Amino acid sequence: MSILRFRVTGSRDAVDAIVARLNSIDNLERVEEVDDEIADMRDDSSSSQLPDDIGAPMRRILVETPHASTNEHVHDVLELAARDLDVAVEFVERF
């Protein structure tokens, strides 16, 4: 089993559309949004909600695939979806 992790920065509707596109791909074991709001919180709450902190929301999505070749297909689908939906996608090793 292979795992692909990525972050999407964009609207809730765009993230939902990306997840729907991923769910339409055959042979995926799992597509899951794994947001953890605590990870985004600052230790110093006095500076939270400053203009630098407020922007497009970021979502973390995990995709499990049975083969590395399926990862390549998922990667291609994500690149096209990001372009179509005007969002940023960042592929990461871990969240």
Protein backbone atom coordinates (compact mmCIF):
# COMPACT_ATOMS: atom_id res chain seq x y z
CA MET A 1 0.00 0.00 0.00
CA SER A 2 1.21 3.47 -0.87
CA ILE A 3 0.21 6.74 0.79
CA LEU A 4 0.03 10.15 -0.86
CA ARG A 5 -0.29 13.21 1.37
CA PHE A 6 -1.04 16.71 0.18
CA ARG A 7 -2.33 20.07 1.31
CA VAL A 8 -4.94 22.06 -0.57
CA THR A 9 -5.27 25.80 -0.08
CA GLY A 10 -8.60 27.05 -1.34
CA SER A 11 -12.30 27.23 -0.69
CA ARG A 12 -14.37 24.49 0.94
CA ASP A 13 -16.22 23.94 -2.36
CA ALA A 14 -12.94 23.44 -4.23
CA VAL A 15 -11.71 20.93 -1.65
CA ASP A 16 -15.00 19.04 -1.86
CA ALA A 17 -14.70 18.96 -5.66
CA ILE A 18 -11.15 17.58 -5.42
CA VAL A 19 -12.22 14.87 -2.98
CA ALA A 20 -15.11 13.95 -5.29
CA ARG A 21 -12.72 13.67 -8.26
CA LEU A 22 -10.39 11.48 -6.22
CA ASN A 23 -13.25 9.25 -5.11
CA SER A 24 -14.11 8.65 -8.77
CA ILE A 25 -10.70 7.04 -9.39
CA ASP A 26 -10.76 3.24 -9.40
CA ASN A 27 -8.49 1.24 -7.10
CA LEU A 28 -8.10 3.80 -4.33
CA GLU A 29 -8.14 2.30 -0.85
CA ARG A 30 -9.04 5.52 0.96
CA VAL A 31 -9.47 9.27 0.43
CA GLU A 32 -9.70 11.18 3.69
CA GLU A 33 -9.50 14.77 4.83
CA VAL A 34 -7.38 14.67 7.98
CA ASP A 35 -7.57 18.22 9.26
CA ASP A 36 -6.44 18.78 12.80
CA GLU A 37 -7.32 22.25 13.99
CA ILE A 38 -4.99 22.01 16.96
CA ALA A 39 -2.00 21.74 14.61
CA ASP A 40 -2.84 25.18 13.20
CA MET A 41 -3.08 26.91 16.56
CA ARG A 42 -0.24 29.06 17.80
CA ASP A 43 1.31 28.66 21.24
CA ASP A 44 1.10 32.43 21.67
CA SER A 45 -2.58 33.28 21.40
CA SER A 46 -1.89 37.03 21.61
CA SER A 47 -0.91 37.03 17.94
CA SER A 48 -3.67 34.80 16.61
CA GLN A 49 -6.04 36.18 13.99
CA LEU A 50 -3.59 38.80 12.80
CA PRO A 51 -3.83 39.68 9.09
CA ASP A 52 -0.86 37.41 8.32
CA ASP A 53 -2.73 34.47 9.86
CA ILE A 54 -6.00 35.02 8.01
CA GLY A 55 -6.14 33.71 4.48
CA ALA A 56 -7.48 30.90 2.38
CA PRO A 57 -8.00 27.81 4.52
CA MET A 58 -5.64 24.86 4.11
CA ARG A 59 -6.91 21.29 4.17
CA ARG A 60 -4.86 18.12 4.56
CA ILE A 61 -5.87 15.13 2.47
CA LEU A 62 -4.55 11.58 2.60
CA VAL A 63 -4.94 9.08 -0.23
CA GLU A 64 -4.07 5.39 0.11
CA THR A 65 -3.44 3.47 -3.08
CA PRO A 66 -2.51 -0.16 -3.70
CA HIS A 67 0.31 0.64 -6.17
CA ALA A 68 2.82 3.39 -6.87
CA SER A 69 1.52 3.63 -10.44
CA THR A 70 -1.87 4.66 -9.06
CA ASN A 71 -0.11 7.46 -7.14
CA GLU A 72 1.11 8.87 -10.44
CA HIS A 73 -2.45 8.91 -11.78
CA VAL A 74 -3.72 10.60 -8.58
CA HIS A 75 -0.93 13.18 -8.87
CA ASP A 76 -1.98 13.97 -12.46
CA VAL A 77 -5.66 14.26 -11.50
CA LEU A 78 -4.75 16.61 -8.65
CA GLU A 79 -2.66 18.87 -10.87
CA LEU A 80 -5.50 19.20 -13.38
CA ALA A 81 -8.08 19.76 -10.64
CA ALA A 82 -5.93 22.44 -9.00
CA ARG A 83 -5.64 24.28 -12.29
CA ASP A 84 -9.38 23.97 -13.02
CA LEU A 85 -10.44 25.05 -9.51
CA ASP A 86 -7.77 27.72 -9.00
CA VAL A 87 -6.35 26.23 -5.79
CA ALA A 88 -2.85 25.42 -4.59
CA VAL A 89 -1.85 21.80 -4.01
CA GLU A 90 1.32 20.95 -2.09
CA PHE A 91 2.53 17.35 -1.94
CA VAL A 92 4.22 16.51 1.38
CA GLU A 93 5.95 13.55 3.00
CA ARG A 94 4.12 14.06 6.31
CA PHE A 95 1.64 16.51 7.81
